[in-house]
């Protein structure tokens, strides 16, 4: 049984709307092992970027390790295309933590862009992939990031209400 078949219908339907059908999720999962070893470095670069910009004041040293650890978990789930777990991670961990930390909604957009660009660069640099596979994988990474962005928006609202 694949992961999509065990998800609530509404989540699966929304995945398809974003172009995340079985072919897309199979593709990202097939390349998960090549991208996972880089998650920690990508997360470190992401938070270093945040610390240099408009979010610098929110990068409190006492919270940074926890934020990084949650982001590592989250991006690992994305690279596994485990959208039910992503949704739950937002609802129970990441969403509330970002609300409690005072992060604005735009942080989700920055995270989506960073995910697409950083992992896209890794895909582009991998010369073991042919050009068609690189393009397909980048397309799936982009779809995953924007689907994740849609999930994040709802989770932030629920965390704020709670």
Protein backbone atom coordinates (compact mmCIF):
# COMPACT_ATOMS: atom_id res chain seq x y z
CA UNK A 1 0.00 0.00 0.00
CA UNK A 2 1.43 3.40 -0.90
CA UNK A 3 1.33 6.36 1.49
CA UNK A 4 -1.30 8.24 -0.50
CA UNK A 5 -3.87 5.46 -0.21
CA UNK A 6 -3.79 5.64 3.60
CA UNK A 7 -4.37 9.41 3.68
CA UNK A 8 -7.69 11.16 4.07
CA UNK A 9 -9.33 11.79 0.70
CA UNK A 10 -9.10 15.58 1.00
CA UNK A 11 -5.31 15.51 1.38
CA UNK A 12 -4.88 13.11 -1.53
CA UNK A 13 -7.17 15.23 -3.70
CA UNK A 14 -5.20 18.35 -2.91
CA UNK A 15 -1.96 16.54 -3.70
CA UNK A 16 -3.25 15.71 -7.17
CA UNK A 17 -4.26 19.36 -7.66
CA UNK A 18 -0.61 20.27 -7.10
CA UNK A 19 0.56 17.61 -9.55
CA UNK A 20 1.70 15.20 -6.86
CA UNK A 21 0.39 11.96 -8.23
CA UNK A 22 1.96 8.52 -7.77
CA UNK A 23 4.49 9.17 -10.53
CA UNK A 24 5.71 12.36 -8.82
CA UNK A 25 5.91 10.85 -5.36
CA UNK A 26 7.65 7.73 -6.70
CA UNK A 27 10.23 9.95 -8.41
CA UNK A 28 11.11 11.94 -5.29
CA UNK A 29 11.25 8.81 -3.18
CA UNK A 30 13.55 7.16 -5.73
CA UNK A 31 16.00 10.05 -5.27
CA UNK A 32 15.48 10.60 -1.55
CA UNK A 33 18.75 8.82 -0.64
CA UNK A 34 20.76 11.14 -2.88
CA UNK A 35 19.28 14.29 -1.28
CA UNK A 36 18.92 13.30 2.40
CA UNK A 37 22.64 13.52 3.25
CA UNK A 38 22.51 17.24 2.38
CA UNK A 39 19.54 18.21 4.55
CA UNK A 40 21.63 19.33 7.53
CA UNK A 41 23.86 21.56 5.41
CA UNK A 42 20.86 23.05 3.58
CA UNK A 43 19.14 23.78 6.92
CA UNK A 44 22.30 25.40 8.31
CA UNK A 45 22.60 27.61 5.22
CA UNK A 46 18.89 28.48 5.43
CA UNK A 47 19.14 29.64 9.04
CA UNK A 48 22.37 31.53 8.33
CA UNK A 49 20.49 33.30 5.55
CA UNK A 50 17.60 34.12 7.91
CA UNK A 51 20.05 35.48 10.49
CA UNK A 52 21.38 37.99 7.96
CA UNK A 53 18.02 39.38 6.89
CA UNK A 54 14.71 40.67 8.17
CA UNK A 55 14.26 37.64 10.44
CA UNK A 56 17.56 38.17 12.29
CA UNK A 57 15.85 39.35 15.48
CA UNK A 58 13.86 36.08 15.60
CA UNK A 59 17.00 33.93 15.43
CA UNK A 60 17.44 33.70 19.18
CA UNK A 61 20.38 31.48 20.17
CA UNK A 62 18.24 29.67 22.76
CA UNK A 63 15.70 28.66 20.08
CA UNK A 64 17.93 28.07 17.07
CA UNK A 65 18.88 24.44 17.73
CA UNK A 66 15.23 23.48 18.18
CA UNK A 67 14.18 25.35 15.02
CA UNK A 68 16.93 23.68 13.00
CA UNK A 69 16.04 20.22 14.30
CA UNK A 70 12.37 20.72 13.41
CA UNK A 71 13.30 21.99 9.94
CA UNK A 72 15.56 18.96 9.35
CA UNK A 73 12.70 16.64 10.25
CA UNK A 74 10.31 18.60 8.09
CA UNK A 75 12.50 18.64 4.99
CA UNK A 76 13.28 14.94 5.41
CA UNK A 77 9.52 14.29 5.37
CA UNK A 78 9.20 16.40 2.23
CA UNK A 79 11.95 14.43 0.48
CA UNK A 80 10.04 11.26 1.38
CA UNK A 81 6.77 12.80 0.11
CA UNK A 82 5.10 11.83 3.39
CA UNK A 83 2.39 14.47 3.30
CA UNK A 84 0.26 13.07 6.11
CA UNK A 85 3.31 13.29 8.40
CA UNK A 86 4.14 16.77 7.04
CA UNK A 87 0.65 17.96 7.87
CA UNK A 88 0.90 16.48 11.37
CA UNK A 89 4.37 17.96 11.89
CA UNK A 90 3.01 21.40 11.02
CA UNK A 91 -0.01 21.02 13.28
CA UNK A 92 1.79 19.67 16.32
CA UNK A 93 5.35 20.98 16.14
CA UNK A 94 6.45 23.44 13.47
CA UNK A 95 3.33 25.59 13.16
CA UNK A 96 2.96 26.23 16.90
CA UNK A 97 6.72 26.82 17.29
CA UNK A 98 6.76 29.44 14.54
CA UNK A 99 3.70 31.18 15.96
CA UNK A 100 5.20 31.13 19.47
CA UNK A 101 8.47 32.49 18.07
CA UNK A 102 6.70 35.42 16.41
CA UNK A 103 7.51 34.44 12.84
CA UNK A 104 5.33 36.08 10.19
CA UNK A 105 3.59 34.12 7.43
CA UNK A 106 6.28 35.13 4.96
CA UNK A 107 8.70 32.73 6.65
CA UNK A 108 6.82 29.88 4.95
CA UNK A 109 7.40 31.45 1.53
CA UNK A 110 11.09 31.91 2.27
CA UNK A 111 11.33 28.25 3.36
CA UNK A 112 9.58 27.06 0.19
CA UNK A 113 11.87 29.11 -2.03
CA UNK A 114 14.97 27.96 -0.15
CA UNK A 115 13.91 24.30 -0.43
CA UNK A 116 13.37 24.59 -4.20
CA UNK A 117 16.59 26.48 -4.86
CA UNK A 118 18.92 24.54 -2.56
CA UNK A 119 17.76 21.06 -3.48
CA UNK A 120 17.41 22.10 -7.12
CA UNK A 121 21.08 23.10 -7.12
CA UNK A 122 21.99 19.68 -5.73
CA UNK A 123 19.97 18.00 -8.46
CA UNK A 124 21.59 20.18 -11.14
CA UNK A 125 25.07 19.38 -9.84
CA UNK A 126 24.45 15.62 -9.91
CA UNK A 127 25.88 14.51 -13.25
CA UNK A 128 24.77 10.92 -12.69
CA UNK A 129 21.27 12.08 -13.65
CA UNK A 130 20.40 12.71 -17.27
CA UNK A 131 18.90 16.07 -18.21
CA UNK A 132 15.32 14.82 -18.45
CA UNK A 133 15.52 13.25 -15.00
CA UNK A 134 17.03 16.43 -13.53
CA UNK A 135 14.19 18.52 -14.98
CA UNK A 136 11.55 16.09 -13.74
CA UNK A 137 13.06 15.96 -10.27
CA UNK A 138 13.29 19.76 -10.05
CA UNK A 139 9.66 20.00 -11.13
CA UNK A 140 8.61 17.57 -8.37
CA UNK A 141 10.69 19.44 -5.77
CA UNK A 142 8.91 22.65 -6.76
CA UNK A 143 5.48 21.02 -6.53
CA UNK A 144 6.33 19.56 -3.13
CA UNK A 145 7.49 22.96 -1.87
CA UNK A 146 4.33 24.71 -2.98
CA UNK A 147 2.09 21.97 -1.61
CA UNK A 148 4.02 22.26 1.65
CA UNK A 149 3.41 26.01 1.52
CA UNK A 150 -0.33 25.39 1.24
CA UNK A 151 -0.22 23.01 4.22
CA UNK A 152 1.81 25.50 6.24
CA UNK A 153 -0.69 28.29 5.83
CA UNK A 154 -3.52 26.31 7.38
CA UNK A 155 -1.33 24.98 10.18
CA UNK A 156 -0.25 28.46 11.17
CA UNK A 157 -3.86 29.59 11.44
CA UNK A 158 -4.71 26.57 13.62
CA UNK A 159 -1.63 27.12 15.80
CA UNK A 160 -2.53 30.78 16.21
CA UNK A 161 -6.12 29.90 17.23
CA UNK A 162 -4.85 27.35 19.77
